[in-house]
């Protein structure tokens, strides 16, 4: 049986907040204060205090993660656009023109190699060979 009284001095704003919370929970103010007092655990309060200190750090870390994900999304979109261009006929035609126009490529030697007239030999340098090597290749074709 509840026969003892506990008097508590609190500010008007705290009293209003406690009354509002009791109303929301559908219990009396006495029951709310009784449960809060009996359930109070100093270790839990210390843990909450630690969490209150960590919360801003976690919030900042989450914000940095969101920013990173946003950058990844932008970069992925840019990559998808670039890949679409690289797969396009427009790019293939441009690349083909650029390769055919490259003066460093000895197309006669490549055609002879493809035709089987030459055996693949490692080339000393990329591009057209000097006149002596070109003459040697021509001799191989004969």
C-alpha atoms as a PDB file:
ATOM      1  CA  UNK A   1       0.000   0.000   0.000  1.00  0.00           C
ATOM      2  CA  UNK A   2       1.278   3.454  -0.881  1.00  0.00           C
ATOM      3  CA  UNK A   3       1.122   5.652   2.198  1.00  0.00           C
ATOM      4  CA  UNK A   4       4.348   7.675   2.235  1.00  0.00           C
ATOM      5  CA  UNK A   5       4.755  10.970   0.433  1.00  0.00           C
ATOM      6  CA  UNK A   6       7.860  12.293  -1.355  1.00  0.00           C
ATOM      7  CA  UNK A   7       8.089  16.022  -1.947  1.00  0.00           C
ATOM      8  CA  UNK A   8      10.219  17.125  -4.842  1.00  0.00           C
ATOM      9  CA  UNK A   9      11.260  20.650  -5.740  1.00  0.00           C
ATOM     10  CA  UNK A  10      11.499  21.195  -9.506  1.00  0.00           C
ATOM     11  CA  UNK A  11      11.240  24.074 -11.930  1.00  0.00           C
ATOM     12  CA  UNK A  12       7.892  24.886 -13.566  1.00  0.00           C
ATOM     13  CA  UNK A  13       9.253  23.849 -16.984  1.00  0.00           C
ATOM     14  CA  UNK A  14      10.444  20.468 -15.611  1.00  0.00           C
ATOM     15  CA  UNK A  15       7.042  19.956 -13.973  1.00  0.00           C
ATOM     16  CA  UNK A  16       5.287  20.684 -17.254  1.00  0.00           C
ATOM     17  CA  UNK A  17       7.582  18.272 -19.134  1.00  0.00           C
ATOM     18  CA  UNK A  18       6.986  15.505 -16.558  1.00  0.00           C
ATOM     19  CA  UNK A  19       3.219  16.070 -16.686  1.00  0.00           C
ATOM     20  CA  UNK A  20       3.280  15.935 -20.494  1.00  0.00           C
ATOM     21  CA  UNK A  21       5.308  12.729 -20.512  1.00  0.00           C
ATOM     22  CA  UNK A  22       2.957  11.080 -17.985  1.00  0.00           C
ATOM     23  CA  UNK A  23      -0.033  12.085 -20.130  1.00  0.00           C
ATOM     24  CA  UNK A  24       1.574  10.608 -23.259  1.00  0.00           C
ATOM     25  CA  UNK A  25       2.315   7.351 -21.417  1.00  0.00           C
ATOM     26  CA  UNK A  26      -1.155   7.267 -19.887  1.00  0.00           C
ATOM     27  CA  UNK A  27       0.096   7.018 -16.282  1.00  0.00           C
ATOM     28  CA  UNK A  28       0.060   9.314 -13.286  1.00  0.00           C
ATOM     29  CA  UNK A  29       2.941  11.660 -12.528  1.00  0.00           C
ATOM     30  CA  UNK A  30       3.555   9.685  -9.321  1.00  0.00           C
ATOM     31  CA  UNK A  31       3.850   6.417 -11.263  1.00  0.00           C
ATOM     32  CA  UNK A  32       6.204   8.015 -13.819  1.00  0.00           C
ATOM     33  CA  UNK A  33       8.502   9.440 -11.121  1.00  0.00           C
ATOM     34  CA  UNK A  34       8.384   6.179  -9.138  1.00  0.00           C
ATOM     35  CA  UNK A  35       9.379   4.085 -12.200  1.00  0.00           C
ATOM     36  CA  UNK A  36      12.106   6.527 -13.201  1.00  0.00           C
ATOM     37  CA  UNK A  37      13.584   6.590  -9.711  1.00  0.00           C
ATOM     38  CA  UNK A  38      13.462   2.811  -9.234  1.00  0.00           C
ATOM     39  CA  UNK A  39      14.826   2.065 -12.692  1.00  0.00           C
ATOM     40  CA  UNK A  40      17.689   4.575 -12.409  1.00  0.00           C
ATOM     41  CA  UNK A  41      21.067   2.848 -12.813  1.00  0.00           C
ATOM     42  CA  UNK A  42      24.205   4.960 -12.243  1.00  0.00           C
ATOM     43  CA  UNK A  43      26.245   2.734 -14.589  1.00  0.00           C
ATOM     44  CA  UNK A  44      23.685   3.228 -17.313  1.00  0.00           C
ATOM     45  CA  UNK A  45      23.742   6.966 -16.697  1.00  0.00           C
ATOM     46  CA  UNK A  46      27.538   6.934 -17.105  1.00  0.00           C
ATOM     47  CA  UNK A  47      27.196   4.939 -20.319  1.00  0.00           C
ATOM     48  CA  UNK A  48      24.656   7.458 -21.604  1.00  0.00           C
ATOM     49  CA  UNK A  49      27.044  10.272 -20.769  1.00  0.00           C
ATOM     50  CA  UNK A  50      29.757   8.526 -22.824  1.00  0.00           C
ATOM     51  CA  UNK A  51      27.325   8.098 -25.694  1.00  0.00           C
ATOM     52  CA  UNK A  52      26.424  11.771 -25.493  1.00  0.00           C
ATOM     53  CA  UNK A  53      30.129  12.562 -25.957  1.00  0.00           C
ATOM     54  CA  UNK A  54      30.487  10.085 -28.844  1.00  0.00           C
ATOM     55  CA  UNK A  55      27.299  11.047 -30.654  1.00  0.00           C
ATOM     56  CA  UNK A  56      28.711  14.192 -32.330  1.00  0.00           C
ATOM     57  CA  UNK A  57      31.745  12.217 -33.507  1.00  0.00           C
ATOM     58  CA  UNK A  58      29.553   9.461 -34.941  1.00  0.00           C
ATOM     59  CA  UNK A  59      27.303  12.042 -36.568  1.00  0.00           C
ATOM     60  CA  UNK A  60      30.330  13.709 -38.184  1.00  0.00           C
ATOM     61  CA  UNK A  61      31.644  10.331 -39.387  1.00  0.00           C
ATOM     62  CA  UNK A  62      28.274   9.486 -40.931  1.00  0.00           C
ATOM     63  CA  UNK A  63      28.222  12.880 -42.669  1.00  0.00           C
ATOM     64  CA  UNK A  64      31.695  12.160 -44.111  1.00  0.00           C
ATOM     65  CA  UNK A  65      30.480   8.748 -45.299  1.00  0.00           C
ATOM     66  CA  UNK A  66      27.503  10.350 -47.020  1.00  0.00           C
ATOM     67  CA  UNK A  67      29.830  12.832 -48.724  1.00  0.00           C
ATOM     68  CA  UNK A  68      32.061   9.958 -49.850  1.00  0.00           C
ATOM     69  CA  UNK A  69      29.071   8.052 -51.226  1.00  0.00           C
ATOM     70  CA  UNK A  70      27.962  11.191 -53.073  1.00  0.00           C
ATOM     71  CA  UNK A  71      31.430  11.489 -54.668  1.00  0.00           C
ATOM     72  CA  UNK A  72      31.360   7.786 -55.573  1.00  0.00           C
ATOM     73  CA  UNK A  73      27.954   8.248 -57.198  1.00  0.00           C
ATOM     74  CA  UNK A  74      29.183  11.226 -59.234  1.00  0.00           C
ATOM     75  CA  UNK A  75      32.323   9.362 -60.290  1.00  0.00           C
ATOM     76  CA  UNK A  76      30.292   6.273 -61.182  1.00  0.00           C
ATOM     77  CA  UNK A  77      27.963   8.350 -63.326  1.00  0.00           C
ATOM     78  CA  UNK A  78      30.959   9.943 -65.048  1.00  0.00           C
ATOM     79  CA  UNK A  79      32.469   6.481 -65.584  1.00  0.00           C
ATOM     80  CA  UNK A  80      29.216   5.155 -67.068  1.00  0.00           C
ATOM     81  CA  UNK A  81      29.100   8.111 -69.467  1.00  0.00           C
ATOM     82  CA  UNK A  82      32.715   7.543 -70.489  1.00  0.00           C
ATOM     83  CA  UNK A  83      32.144   3.816 -71.011  1.00  0.00           C
ATOM     84  CA  UNK A  84      29.073   4.554 -73.133  1.00  0.00           C
ATOM     85  CA  UNK A  85      31.194   6.882 -75.280  1.00  0.00           C
ATOM     86  CA  UNK A  86      33.987   4.303 -75.574  1.00  0.00           C
ATOM     87  CA  UNK A  87      31.417   1.756 -76.780  1.00  0.00           C
ATOM     88  CA  UNK A  88      29.894   4.164 -79.294  1.00  0.00           C
ATOM     89  CA  UNK A  89      30.312   4.066 -83.046  1.00  0.00           C
ATOM     90  CA  UNK A  90      31.427   7.696 -82.894  1.00  0.00           C
ATOM     91  CA  UNK A  91      34.434   6.792 -80.741  1.00  0.00           C
ATOM     92  CA  UNK A  92      35.292   3.715 -82.818  1.00  0.00           C
ATOM     93  CA  UNK A  93      35.272   5.755 -86.030  1.00  0.00           C
ATOM     94  CA  UNK A  94      37.456   8.450 -84.464  1.00  0.00           C
ATOM     95  CA  UNK A  95      39.886   5.864 -83.102  1.00  0.00           C
ATOM     96  CA  UNK A  96      40.080   4.094 -86.440  1.00  0.00           C
ATOM     97  CA  UNK A  97      40.874   7.387 -88.225  1.00  0.00           C
ATOM     98  CA  UNK A  98      43.514   8.241 -85.621  1.00  0.00           C
ATOM     99  CA  UNK A  99      45.188   4.838 -85.896  1.00  0.00           C
ATOM    100  CA  UNK A 100      45.171   4.847 -89.694  1.00  0.00           C
ATOM    101  CA  UNK A 101      46.653   8.355 -89.691  1.00  0.00           C
ATOM    102  CA  UNK A 102      49.428   7.501 -87.195  1.00  0.00           C
ATOM    103  CA  UNK A 103      52.747   7.867 -89.082  1.00  0.00           C
ATOM    104  CA  UNK A 104      54.558   5.630 -86.582  1.00  0.00           C
ATOM    105  CA  UNK A 105      52.719   2.508 -87.761  1.00  0.00           C
ATOM    106  CA  UNK A 106      54.252   0.527 -90.631  1.00  0.00           C
ATOM    107  CA  UNK A 107      51.059  -0.745 -92.270  1.00  0.00           C
ATOM    108  CA  UNK A 108      52.852  -2.506 -95.110  1.00  0.00           C
ATOM    109  CA  UNK A 109      54.772  -4.652 -92.650  1.00  0.00           C
ATOM    110  CA  UNK A 110      51.577  -5.396 -90.670  1.00  0.00           C
ATOM    111  CA  UNK A 111      49.730  -6.380 -93.874  1.00  0.00           C
ATOM    112  CA  UNK A 112      52.612  -8.675 -94.854  1.00  0.00           C
ATOM    113  CA  UNK A 113      52.616 -10.217 -91.390  1.00  0.00           C
ATOM    114  CA  UNK A 114      48.860 -10.791 -91.546  1.00  0.00           C
ATOM    115  CA  UNK A 115      49.193 -12.356 -94.982  1.00  0.00           C
ATOM    116  CA  UNK A 116      51.721 -14.829 -93.596  1.00  0.00           C
ATOM    117  CA  UNK A 117      54.541 -13.546 -95.759  1.00  0.00           C
ATOM    118  CA  UNK A 118      56.617 -12.719 -92.671  1.00  0.00           C
ATOM    119  CA  UNK A 119      57.281 -14.504 -89.469  1.00  0.00           C
ATOM    120  CA  UNK A 120      56.585 -12.466 -86.402  1.00  0.00           C
ATOM    121  CA  UNK A 121      59.805 -10.954 -85.142  1.00  0.00           C
ATOM    122  CA  UNK A 122      60.148  -8.759 -82.121  1.00  0.00           C
ATOM    123  CA  UNK A 123      60.533  -5.173 -83.241  1.00  0.00           C
ATOM    124  CA  UNK A 124      63.306  -3.110 -81.684  1.00  0.00           C
ATOM    125  CA  UNK A 125      61.167   0.011 -81.433  1.00  0.00           C
ATOM    126  CA  UNK A 126      57.559   1.002 -81.852  1.00  0.00           C
ATOM    127  CA  UNK A 127      56.740   2.529 -85.206  1.00  0.00           C
ATOM    128  CA  UNK A 128      58.259   2.653 -88.654  1.00  0.00           C
ATOM    129  CA  UNK A 129      61.701   1.227 -89.013  1.00  0.00           C
ATOM    130  CA  UNK A 130      64.551   3.002 -90.716  1.00  0.00           C
ATOM    131  CA  UNK A 131      65.217   2.469 -94.436  1.00  0.00           C
ATOM    132  CA  UNK A 132      67.654  -0.453 -93.920  1.00  0.00           C
ATOM    133  CA  UNK A 133      65.096  -2.423 -91.921  1.00  0.00           C
ATOM    134  CA  UNK A 134      62.369  -1.597 -94.435  1.00  0.00           C
ATOM    135  CA  UNK A 135      64.638  -2.925 -97.227  1.00  0.00           C
ATOM    136  CA  UNK A 136      65.282  -6.089 -95.183  1.00  0.00           C
ATOM    137  CA  UNK A 137      61.546  -6.625 -94.755  1.00  0.00           C
ATOM    138  CA  UNK A 138      61.013  -6.104 -98.463  1.00  0.00           C
ATOM    139  CA  UNK A 139      63.690  -8.715 -99.136  1.00  0.00           C
ATOM    140  CA  UNK A 140      61.853 -11.150 -96.873  1.00  0.00           C
ATOM    141  CA  UNK A 141      58.743 -10.669 -98.985  1.00  0.00           C
ATOM    142  CA  UNK A 142      60.568 -11.599-102.217  1.00  0.00           C
END
